[in-house]
N, C-alpha and C. Protein backbone atom coordinates (compact mmCIF):
# COMPACT_ATOMS: atom_id res chain seq x y z
N UNK A 1 87.91 112.60 92.65
CA UNK A 1 89.06 111.81 92.69
C UNK A 1 88.98 110.59 91.78
N UNK A 2 89.79 110.74 90.76
CA UNK A 2 89.68 109.48 89.61
C UNK A 2 90.57 108.45 90.18
N UNK A 3 90.47 107.28 89.39
CA UNK A 3 91.19 106.04 89.59
C UNK A 3 92.63 106.28 89.67
N UNK A 4 93.30 106.94 88.48
CA UNK A 4 94.56 107.21 88.29
C UNK A 4 95.02 108.55 88.71
N UNK A 5 94.41 109.24 89.70
CA UNK A 5 94.83 110.47 90.26
C UNK A 5 96.23 110.12 91.22
N UNK A 6 96.86 111.14 91.31
CA UNK A 6 98.09 110.98 92.18
C UNK A 6 97.84 110.46 93.71
N UNK A 7 96.71 111.23 94.18
CA UNK A 7 96.47 110.57 95.67
C UNK A 7 96.09 109.08 95.61
N UNK A 8 95.29 108.70 94.68
CA UNK A 8 94.96 107.24 94.59
C UNK A 8 95.97 106.26 94.21
N UNK A 9 96.88 106.75 93.40
CA UNK A 9 98.06 105.96 93.09
C UNK A 9 99.07 105.93 94.24
N UNK A 10 99.15 107.07 95.10
CA UNK A 10 99.82 107.07 96.20
C UNK A 10 99.32 106.11 97.31
N UNK A 11 98.02 105.97 97.62
CA UNK A 11 97.35 105.06 98.30
C UNK A 11 97.77 103.58 97.91
N UNK A 12 97.54 103.36 96.65
CA UNK A 12 97.71 101.97 96.27
C UNK A 12 99.22 101.80 96.39
N UNK A 13 100.27 102.51 96.18
CA UNK A 13 101.66 102.16 96.24
C UNK A 13 102.06 102.04 98.00
N UNK A 14 101.23 102.66 98.75
CA UNK A 14 101.49 102.51 100.11
C UNK A 14 100.90 101.07 100.49
N UNK A 15 99.85 100.83 100.25
CA UNK A 15 99.19 99.47 100.46
C UNK A 15 99.89 98.34 99.84
N UNK A 16 100.41 98.54 98.55
CA UNK A 16 100.99 97.50 98.04
C UNK A 16 102.43 97.05 98.75
N UNK A 17 103.12 98.41 99.08
CA UNK A 17 104.44 98.42 99.96
C UNK A 17 104.43 97.48 101.22
N UNK A 18 103.07 97.88 101.96
CA UNK A 18 102.79 97.30 103.07
C UNK A 18 102.62 95.54 102.92
N UNK A 19 102.00 95.17 101.78
CA UNK A 19 101.50 93.83 101.72
C UNK A 19 102.92 93.14 101.26
N UNK A 20 103.42 93.74 100.25
CA UNK A 20 104.95 93.08 99.94
C UNK A 20 106.08 93.20 101.09
N UNK A 21 105.97 94.08 101.84
CA UNK A 21 106.83 94.08 103.01
C UNK A 21 106.59 92.75 103.98
N UNK A 22 105.32 92.56 104.15
CA UNK A 22 104.98 91.13 104.81
C UNK A 22 105.50 90.12 104.22
N UNK A 23 105.37 90.07 102.83
CA UNK A 23 105.94 88.94 101.99
C UNK A 23 107.47 88.90 102.10
N UNK A 24 108.20 89.97 102.21
CA UNK A 24 109.52 89.95 102.28
C UNK A 24 109.91 89.25 103.73
N UNK A 25 109.24 89.69 104.89
CA UNK A 25 109.45 89.28 106.12
C UNK A 25 109.12 87.76 106.28
N UNK A 26 108.30 87.32 105.57
CA UNK A 26 108.02 85.85 105.47
C UNK A 26 109.06 85.12 104.63
N UNK A 27 109.78 85.79 103.77
CA UNK A 27 110.78 85.35 102.95
C UNK A 27 112.13 85.16 103.83
N UNK A 28 112.13 86.06 104.69
CA UNK A 28 113.32 86.23 105.67
C UNK A 28 113.19 84.83 106.53
N UNK A 29 112.01 84.86 106.86
CA UNK A 29 111.63 83.75 107.89
C UNK A 29 111.74 82.28 107.33
N UNK A 30 111.53 82.23 106.05
CA UNK A 30 111.70 81.01 105.30
C UNK A 30 113.21 80.61 105.26
N UNK A 31 114.05 81.75 104.90
CA UNK A 31 115.43 81.40 104.87
C UNK A 31 115.94 80.84 106.20
N UNK A 32 115.54 81.54 107.25
CA UNK A 32 115.91 81.15 108.71
C UNK A 32 115.74 79.68 108.89
N UNK A 33 114.29 79.35 108.40
CA UNK A 33 113.86 78.16 108.59
C UNK A 33 114.52 77.16 107.88
N UNK A 34 114.94 77.33 106.61
CA UNK A 34 116.11 76.50 105.74
C UNK A 34 117.24 76.46 106.46
N UNK A 35 117.67 77.62 106.81
CA UNK A 35 119.11 77.59 107.53
C UNK A 35 119.32 76.65 108.68
N UNK A 36 118.31 76.60 109.49
CA UNK A 36 118.40 75.84 110.80
C UNK A 36 117.69 74.40 110.60
N UNK A 37 116.86 74.36 109.58
CA UNK A 37 116.39 73.05 109.03
C UNK A 37 115.90 71.89 109.97
N UNK A 38 115.42 72.12 111.17
CA UNK A 38 115.19 70.88 111.93
C UNK A 38 114.26 69.87 111.17
N UNK A 39 113.24 70.18 110.51
CA UNK A 39 112.38 69.09 109.88
C UNK A 39 113.24 68.58 108.76
N UNK A 40 114.12 69.13 107.80
CA UNK A 40 115.07 68.61 107.00
C UNK A 40 116.04 67.67 107.58
N UNK A 41 116.31 67.91 108.91
CA UNK A 41 117.41 67.04 109.49
C UNK A 41 116.72 65.86 110.06
N UNK A 42 115.42 65.75 110.35
CA UNK A 42 114.59 64.51 110.73
C UNK A 42 114.55 63.61 109.48
N UNK A 43 114.15 64.32 108.30
CA UNK A 43 114.02 63.52 107.20
C UNK A 43 115.21 62.96 106.56
N UNK A 44 116.41 63.34 106.86
CA UNK A 44 117.57 63.04 106.25
C UNK A 44 118.46 62.44 107.42
N UNK A 45 117.85 61.77 108.37
CA UNK A 45 118.50 61.26 109.61
C UNK A 45 119.64 62.16 110.09
N UNK A 46 119.47 63.34 110.50
CA UNK A 46 120.46 64.20 111.05
C UNK A 46 121.78 64.48 110.08
N UNK A 47 121.57 64.31 108.77
CA UNK A 47 122.78 64.62 107.86
C UNK A 47 122.52 65.94 107.07
N UNK A 48 121.51 66.60 107.44
CA UNK A 48 120.98 67.73 106.62
C UNK A 48 121.95 68.94 106.88
N UNK A 49 122.60 69.42 105.97
CA UNK A 49 123.43 70.70 106.14
C UNK A 49 122.81 71.83 105.12
N UNK A 50 122.72 72.96 105.44
CA UNK A 50 122.15 73.79 104.49
C UNK A 50 122.77 74.16 103.34
N UNK A 51 121.96 74.33 102.39
CA UNK A 51 122.44 74.57 100.91
C UNK A 51 122.68 75.96 100.59
N UNK A 52 123.78 76.65 100.68
CA UNK A 52 123.83 78.17 100.47
C UNK A 52 123.62 78.44 99.17
N UNK A 53 123.75 77.60 98.14
CA UNK A 53 123.32 77.99 96.67
C UNK A 53 121.85 78.35 96.66
N UNK A 54 121.04 77.85 97.46
CA UNK A 54 119.44 78.17 97.47
C UNK A 54 119.28 79.24 98.65
N UNK A 55 119.93 79.14 99.89
CA UNK A 55 119.49 79.87 100.78
C UNK A 55 119.98 81.42 100.76
N UNK A 56 121.31 81.58 100.28
CA UNK A 56 121.95 82.80 100.28
C UNK A 56 121.29 83.81 99.12
N UNK A 57 120.93 83.44 98.07
CA UNK A 57 120.30 84.39 97.22
C UNK A 57 118.91 84.67 97.52
N UNK A 58 118.22 83.70 98.47
CA UNK A 58 116.89 84.08 98.69
C UNK A 58 116.87 85.06 99.87
N UNK A 59 117.98 84.85 100.84
CA UNK A 59 117.91 85.79 101.87
C UNK A 59 118.41 87.12 101.44
N UNK A 60 119.28 87.16 100.55
CA UNK A 60 119.70 88.65 100.05
C UNK A 60 118.57 89.20 99.27
N UNK A 61 117.88 88.57 98.49
CA UNK A 61 116.74 88.94 97.85
C UNK A 61 115.55 89.35 98.77
N UNK A 62 115.49 88.73 99.96
CA UNK A 62 114.32 89.00 100.99
C UNK A 62 114.93 90.13 101.67
N UNK A 63 116.07 90.29 101.98
CA UNK A 63 116.30 91.62 102.76
C UNK A 63 116.44 92.64 101.95
N UNK A 64 116.79 92.82 100.63
CA UNK A 64 116.77 93.92 99.75
C UNK A 64 115.34 94.23 99.47
N UNK A 65 114.45 93.31 99.34
CA UNK A 65 113.12 93.46 98.96
C UNK A 65 112.45 94.11 100.19
N UNK A 66 112.90 93.72 101.46
CA UNK A 66 112.19 94.45 102.58
C UNK A 66 112.62 95.88 102.59
N UNK A 67 113.82 96.18 102.25
CA UNK A 67 114.31 97.62 102.25
C UNK A 67 113.51 98.41 101.02
N UNK A 68 113.40 97.66 99.85
CA UNK A 68 112.64 98.35 98.83
C UNK A 68 111.37 98.64 98.95
N UNK A 69 110.59 97.78 99.68
CA UNK A 69 109.18 97.94 100.09
C UNK A 69 109.10 99.18 101.08
N UNK A 70 109.91 99.26 101.86
CA UNK A 70 110.03 100.38 103.08
C UNK A 70 110.17 101.52 102.05
N UNK A 71 111.14 101.49 101.15
CA UNK A 71 111.37 102.77 100.31
C UNK A 71 110.35 103.16 99.57
N UNK A 72 109.46 102.04 98.92
CA UNK A 72 108.41 102.29 98.13
C UNK A 72 107.27 102.98 99.13
N UNK A 73 107.05 102.73 100.26
CA UNK A 73 106.15 103.36 101.22
C UNK A 73 106.57 104.84 101.54
N UNK A 74 107.88 105.05 101.76
CA UNK A 74 108.24 106.31 102.03
C UNK A 74 108.32 107.27 100.83
N UNK A 75 108.62 106.69 99.42
CA UNK A 75 108.81 107.30 98.40
C UNK A 75 107.32 107.72 98.07
N UNK A 76 106.32 107.01 98.19
CA UNK A 76 104.96 107.40 97.80
C UNK A 76 104.54 108.56 98.76
N UNK A 77 104.92 108.32 99.90
CA UNK A 77 104.47 109.55 100.94
C UNK A 77 104.83 110.89 100.71
N UNK A 78 106.23 110.68 100.04
CA UNK A 78 106.90 111.90 99.77
C UNK A 78 106.66 112.32 98.23
N UNK A 79 106.08 111.59 97.45
CA UNK A 79 106.13 111.66 96.14
C UNK A 79 107.49 111.90 95.47
N UNK A 80 108.31 110.96 95.81
CA UNK A 80 109.68 110.96 95.32
C UNK A 80 109.84 109.95 94.16
N UNK A 81 110.02 110.53 92.92
CA UNK A 81 110.16 109.69 91.67
C UNK A 81 111.44 108.73 91.82
N UNK A 82 112.40 109.24 92.22
CA UNK A 82 113.52 108.45 92.20
C UNK A 82 113.56 107.26 93.19
N UNK A 83 112.92 107.49 94.41
CA UNK A 83 112.72 106.38 95.22
C UNK A 83 111.83 105.31 94.69
N UNK A 84 110.82 105.92 94.11
CA UNK A 84 109.84 104.80 93.52
C UNK A 84 110.39 104.15 92.20
N UNK A 85 111.47 105.06 91.61
CA UNK A 85 112.12 104.27 90.38
C UNK A 85 113.02 103.10 90.92
N UNK A 86 113.72 103.28 92.14
CA UNK A 86 114.48 102.34 92.81
C UNK A 86 113.75 101.09 92.98
N UNK A 87 112.40 101.30 93.54
CA UNK A 87 111.66 100.11 93.76
C UNK A 87 111.04 99.37 92.50
N UNK A 88 110.85 100.11 91.65
CA UNK A 88 110.48 99.39 90.13
C UNK A 88 111.69 98.73 89.72
N UNK A 89 112.90 99.34 89.51
CA UNK A 89 114.00 98.68 89.07
C UNK A 89 114.34 97.26 89.85
N UNK A 90 114.25 97.46 91.10
CA UNK A 90 114.54 96.36 92.05
C UNK A 90 113.84 95.18 91.70
N UNK A 91 112.43 95.27 91.49
CA UNK A 91 111.40 94.30 91.33
C UNK A 91 111.64 93.74 89.76
N UNK A 92 111.85 94.58 88.87
CA UNK A 92 112.32 93.86 87.45
C UNK A 92 113.47 92.97 87.72
N UNK A 93 114.45 93.46 88.58
CA UNK A 93 115.79 92.75 88.59
C UNK A 93 115.60 91.55 89.61
N UNK A 94 114.58 91.73 90.44
CA UNK A 94 114.07 90.55 91.29
C UNK A 94 113.55 89.39 90.29
N UNK A 95 112.68 89.66 89.35
CA UNK A 95 112.08 88.79 88.55
C UNK A 95 113.10 88.10 87.63
N UNK A 96 114.12 88.82 87.30
CA UNK A 96 115.24 88.27 86.48
C UNK A 96 116.16 87.34 87.20
N UNK A 97 116.40 87.72 88.29
CA UNK A 97 117.28 86.82 89.29
C UNK A 97 116.46 85.58 89.48
N UNK A 98 115.29 85.61 89.65
CA UNK A 98 114.50 84.41 89.96
C UNK A 98 114.48 83.42 88.89
N UNK A 99 114.38 83.98 87.57
CA UNK A 99 114.51 83.13 86.47
C UNK A 99 115.83 82.39 86.12
N UNK A 100 116.63 83.39 86.57
CA UNK A 100 118.14 83.00 86.27
C UNK A 100 118.56 81.78 87.30
N UNK A 101 118.00 82.07 88.57
CA UNK A 101 118.21 80.82 89.70
C UNK A 101 117.45 79.58 89.18
N UNK A 102 116.16 79.68 88.61
CA UNK A 102 115.47 78.69 88.12
C UNK A 102 116.18 77.84 87.06
N UNK A 103 116.65 78.64 86.13
CA UNK A 103 117.42 77.99 84.85
C UNK A 103 118.65 77.31 85.39
N UNK A 104 119.33 78.02 86.26
CA UNK A 104 120.69 77.33 86.70
C UNK A 104 120.24 76.10 87.51
N UNK A 105 119.14 76.10 88.44
CA UNK A 105 118.87 74.67 89.14
C UNK A 105 118.43 73.77 88.04
N UNK A 106 117.67 74.05 87.05
CA UNK A 106 117.32 73.17 86.01
C UNK A 106 118.42 72.63 85.28
N UNK A 107 119.49 73.47 84.88
CA UNK A 107 120.59 72.97 84.13
C UNK A 107 121.43 72.18 85.09
N UNK A 108 121.60 72.44 86.37
CA UNK A 108 122.24 71.57 87.35
C UNK A 108 121.53 70.04 87.53
N UNK A 109 120.32 70.17 87.39
CA UNK A 109 119.56 68.93 87.70
C UNK A 109 119.70 67.93 86.44
N UNK A 110 119.77 68.60 85.13
CA UNK A 110 119.79 67.86 83.98
C UNK A 110 121.20 67.54 83.57
N UNK A 111 122.23 68.06 84.48
CA UNK A 111 123.57 67.59 84.24
C UNK A 111 124.29 68.48 83.26
N UNK A 112 123.96 69.60 82.81
CA UNK A 112 124.74 70.68 81.95
C UNK A 112 125.60 71.49 82.71
N UNK A 113 125.48 71.52 83.99
CA UNK A 113 126.25 72.38 84.82
C UNK A 113 126.71 71.41 86.02
N UNK A 114 127.95 71.04 86.18
CA UNK A 114 128.23 69.96 87.08
C UNK A 114 129.69 70.46 87.65
N UNK A 115 129.55 70.89 88.96
CA UNK A 115 130.79 71.36 89.67
C UNK A 115 130.86 70.60 90.89
N UNK A 116 130.37 69.35 90.67
CA UNK A 116 130.29 68.54 92.02
C UNK A 116 131.66 68.40 92.78
N UNK A 117 132.73 68.42 91.90
CA UNK A 117 134.23 68.35 92.60
C UNK A 117 134.57 69.63 93.37
N UNK A 118 133.94 70.39 93.17
CA UNK A 118 134.15 71.66 94.06
C UNK A 118 133.20 71.98 95.14
N UNK A 119 132.39 70.81 95.35
CA UNK A 119 131.32 71.01 96.52
C UNK A 119 130.04 71.47 96.08
N UNK A 120 129.61 71.68 94.82
CA UNK A 120 128.25 71.91 94.47
C UNK A 120 127.30 70.72 94.55
N UNK A 121 126.25 70.91 95.07
CA UNK A 121 125.19 69.76 95.38
C UNK A 121 124.19 69.91 94.21
N UNK A 122 123.54 68.71 93.98
CA UNK A 122 122.35 68.64 93.18
C UNK A 122 121.20 69.38 93.66
N UNK A 123 120.41 69.68 92.59
CA UNK A 123 119.11 70.34 92.95
C UNK A 123 118.25 69.38 93.78
N UNK A 124 117.82 70.07 95.02
CA UNK A 124 117.16 69.10 96.05
C UNK A 124 115.68 69.31 95.70
N UNK A 125 115.16 70.28 95.12
CA UNK A 125 113.82 70.25 94.83
C UNK A 125 113.43 69.81 93.40
N UNK A 126 114.60 69.65 92.41
CA UNK A 126 114.17 69.24 91.22
C UNK A 126 113.73 67.82 91.01
N UNK A 127 114.07 67.12 92.08
CA UNK A 127 113.70 65.67 91.97
C UNK A 127 112.35 65.24 92.81
N UNK A 128 111.83 66.25 93.31
CA UNK A 128 110.57 66.02 94.04
C UNK A 128 109.46 66.07 93.08
N UNK A 129 108.31 65.38 93.54
CA UNK A 129 107.08 65.43 92.73
C UNK A 129 106.59 66.97 92.41
N UNK A 130 106.78 67.82 93.44
CA UNK A 130 106.23 69.22 93.32
C UNK A 130 107.17 69.94 92.60
N UNK A 131 108.11 69.55 91.70
CA UNK A 131 108.98 70.53 91.12
C UNK A 131 108.57 71.13 89.93
N UNK A 132 107.62 70.54 89.31
CA UNK A 132 106.94 71.31 88.24
C UNK A 132 106.14 72.48 88.60
N UNK A 133 105.59 72.58 90.03
CA UNK A 133 104.91 73.53 90.55
C UNK A 133 105.84 74.70 90.78
N UNK A 134 107.03 74.66 90.89
CA UNK A 134 107.86 75.59 90.97
C UNK A 134 107.97 76.49 89.83
N UNK A 135 108.13 76.02 88.65
CA UNK A 135 108.12 76.76 87.65
C UNK A 135 106.58 77.45 87.20
N UNK A 136 105.64 76.51 87.47
CA UNK A 136 104.25 77.16 87.22
C UNK A 136 104.06 78.41 88.18
N UNK A 137 104.35 77.98 89.48
CA UNK A 137 104.27 79.13 90.66
C UNK A 137 105.24 80.11 90.20
N UNK A 138 106.20 80.05 89.71
CA UNK A 138 107.18 81.38 89.41
C UNK A 138 106.48 81.96 88.32
N UNK A 139 105.98 81.37 87.51
CA UNK A 139 105.26 82.10 86.10
C UNK A 139 104.12 82.87 86.61
N UNK A 140 103.30 82.28 87.33
CA UNK A 140 101.91 83.03 87.99
C UNK A 140 102.52 84.10 88.82
N UNK A 141 103.51 83.85 89.81
CA UNK A 141 103.87 85.00 90.62
C UNK A 141 104.47 86.08 89.89
N UNK A 142 105.38 85.73 88.85
CA UNK A 142 106.06 86.85 88.13
C UNK A 142 104.90 87.59 87.30
N UNK A 143 103.89 87.01 86.75
CA UNK A 143 102.92 87.97 86.03
C UNK A 143 102.12 88.53 87.09
N UNK A 144 101.85 88.12 88.27
CA UNK A 144 100.93 88.87 89.26
C UNK A 144 101.81 90.03 89.58
N UNK A 145 103.12 89.81 89.94
CA UNK A 145 103.92 90.91 90.43
C UNK A 145 104.00 92.03 89.37
N UNK A 146 104.32 91.65 88.00
CA UNK A 146 104.27 92.58 87.00
C UNK A 146 102.93 93.43 86.81
N UNK A 147 101.92 92.65 87.06
CA UNK A 147 100.45 93.36 87.13
C UNK A 147 100.42 94.40 88.12
N UNK A 148 100.71 94.00 89.30
CA UNK A 148 100.63 94.70 90.56
C UNK A 148 101.69 96.09 90.41
N UNK A 149 102.64 95.88 89.66
CA UNK A 149 103.78 96.89 89.29
C UNK A 149 103.16 98.02 88.56
N UNK A 150 102.27 97.65 87.62
CA UNK A 150 101.57 98.59 86.67
C UNK A 150 101.20 100.08 87.20
N UNK A 151 100.21 99.96 88.26
CA UNK A 151 99.87 101.31 88.88
C UNK A 151 100.97 102.13 89.42
N UNK A 152 102.11 101.30 90.09
CA UNK A 152 103.24 101.93 90.64
C UNK A 152 104.04 102.74 89.48
N UNK A 153 104.09 102.00 88.34
CA UNK A 153 104.78 102.64 87.14
C UNK A 153 103.98 103.77 86.73
N UNK A 154 102.75 103.73 86.80
CA UNK A 154 101.90 104.89 86.35
C UNK A 154 102.02 106.08 87.27
N UNK A 155 102.16 105.65 88.49
CA UNK A 155 102.54 106.68 89.62
C UNK A 155 103.69 107.52 89.36
N UNK A 156 104.65 106.59 89.01
CA UNK A 156 106.04 107.26 88.69
C UNK A 156 106.15 108.21 87.34
N UNK A 157 105.39 107.69 86.32
CA UNK A 157 105.20 108.53 85.17
C UNK A 157 104.51 109.78 85.32
N UNK A 158 103.41 109.95 86.34
CA UNK A 158 102.67 111.10 86.60
C UNK A 158 103.57 111.96 87.33
N UNK A 159 104.24 111.22 88.18
CA UNK A 159 105.37 112.21 89.08
C UNK A 159 106.56 112.94 88.01
N UNK A 160 106.99 112.00 87.43
CA UNK A 160 107.81 112.58 86.24
C UNK A 160 107.23 113.77 85.34
N UNK A 161 106.05 113.49 85.05
CA UNK A 161 105.29 114.53 84.08
C UNK A 161 105.04 115.83 85.01
N UNK A 162 104.75 115.59 86.40
CA UNK A 162 104.45 116.82 87.02
C UNK A 162 105.75 117.44 87.30
N UNK A 163 106.90 116.88 87.57
CA UNK A 163 108.10 117.43 87.96
C UNK A 163 108.61 118.31 86.61
N UNK A 164 108.52 117.70 85.66
CA UNK A 164 108.71 118.18 84.21
C UNK A 164 107.91 119.51 83.91
N UNK A 165 106.70 119.27 84.33
CA UNK A 165 105.96 120.51 84.02
C UNK A 165 106.20 121.67 84.97
N UNK A 166 106.50 121.26 86.13
CA UNK A 166 106.93 122.33 87.20
C UNK A 166 108.25 122.74 86.90
N UNK A 167 109.07 122.48 86.18
CA UNK A 167 110.44 122.90 86.04
C UNK A 167 110.68 123.38 84.65
N UNK A 168 110.07 122.72 83.60
CA UNK A 168 110.36 123.30 82.28
C UNK A 168 109.59 124.41 81.78
N UNK A 169 108.32 124.52 82.23
CA UNK A 169 107.34 125.51 81.92
C UNK A 169 107.17 126.68 82.76
N UNK A 170 108.32 126.88 83.36
CA UNK A 170 108.36 128.18 84.33
C UNK A 170 108.22 129.39 83.60
N UNK A 171 109.00 129.53 82.55
CA UNK A 171 108.92 130.72 81.77
C UNK A 171 107.97 130.67 80.64
N UNK A 172 107.18 129.67 80.32
CA UNK A 172 106.15 129.55 79.33
C UNK A 172 105.17 130.68 79.32
N UNK A 173 104.71 131.11 78.21
CA UNK A 173 103.36 132.06 78.10
C UNK A 173 102.29 131.31 78.86
N UNK A 174 101.25 132.03 79.44
CA UNK A 174 100.07 131.54 79.95
C UNK A 174 99.39 130.58 79.41
N UNK A 175 99.28 130.49 78.12
CA UNK A 175 98.34 129.85 77.24
C UNK A 175 99.13 128.52 77.14
N UNK A 176 100.27 128.38 77.36
CA UNK A 176 100.92 126.95 77.16
C UNK A 176 101.46 126.49 78.55
N UNK A 177 101.13 127.13 79.48
CA UNK A 177 101.58 126.61 80.79
C UNK A 177 100.71 125.66 81.37
N UNK A 178 101.05 124.37 81.38
CA UNK A 178 100.08 123.18 81.81
C UNK A 178 99.67 123.17 83.33
N UNK A 179 100.45 124.14 84.10
CA UNK A 179 100.01 124.25 85.64
C UNK A 179 98.63 124.68 85.80
N UNK A 180 98.15 125.30 84.73
CA UNK A 180 96.80 125.79 84.63
C UNK A 180 95.76 124.76 84.22
N UNK A 181 96.15 123.59 83.84
CA UNK A 181 95.22 122.50 83.21
C UNK A 181 94.96 121.68 84.42
N UNK A 182 93.83 121.11 84.45
CA UNK A 182 93.27 120.13 85.24
C UNK A 182 93.61 118.60 84.77
N UNK A 183 94.01 117.71 85.59
CA UNK A 183 94.32 116.28 85.29
C UNK A 183 93.29 115.39 85.83
């Protein structure tokens, strides 16, 4: 059994799905913490109200990521290339959505986007001393997620190749039939 065989990539996808499922559940918990926000209320003398511009995208992303990670586990167990493709597309979309949210928050903070007349609030975390770490943490996390996605993409490509070989080479002569090759 090699490092890039289908059973090995299946096991990797299942383990990655379980780990990212725990991260999604913790993201849902963080959204609930920000929603009810007792520590924030103490810091702001009980004037804290939840900021839906930050909580709603994070909650939706966490819930969809939880479902996508469950799909990755099931898709890997079933060797389903379409379910695994859904997971890959969602993770790429999640990275894009994070960077759009980050850019929007920075534009709000620097005054390029101002809808305060319609109830928009200023960026809460942009004025904190740890604000620079959000960008660095996002970059490191994006790179780590992209790196962790590579074996799942290899798994998807191997499943596509296996499906193509099983369907297109049905009538091929024996010497051209890749079913007889060992991978």
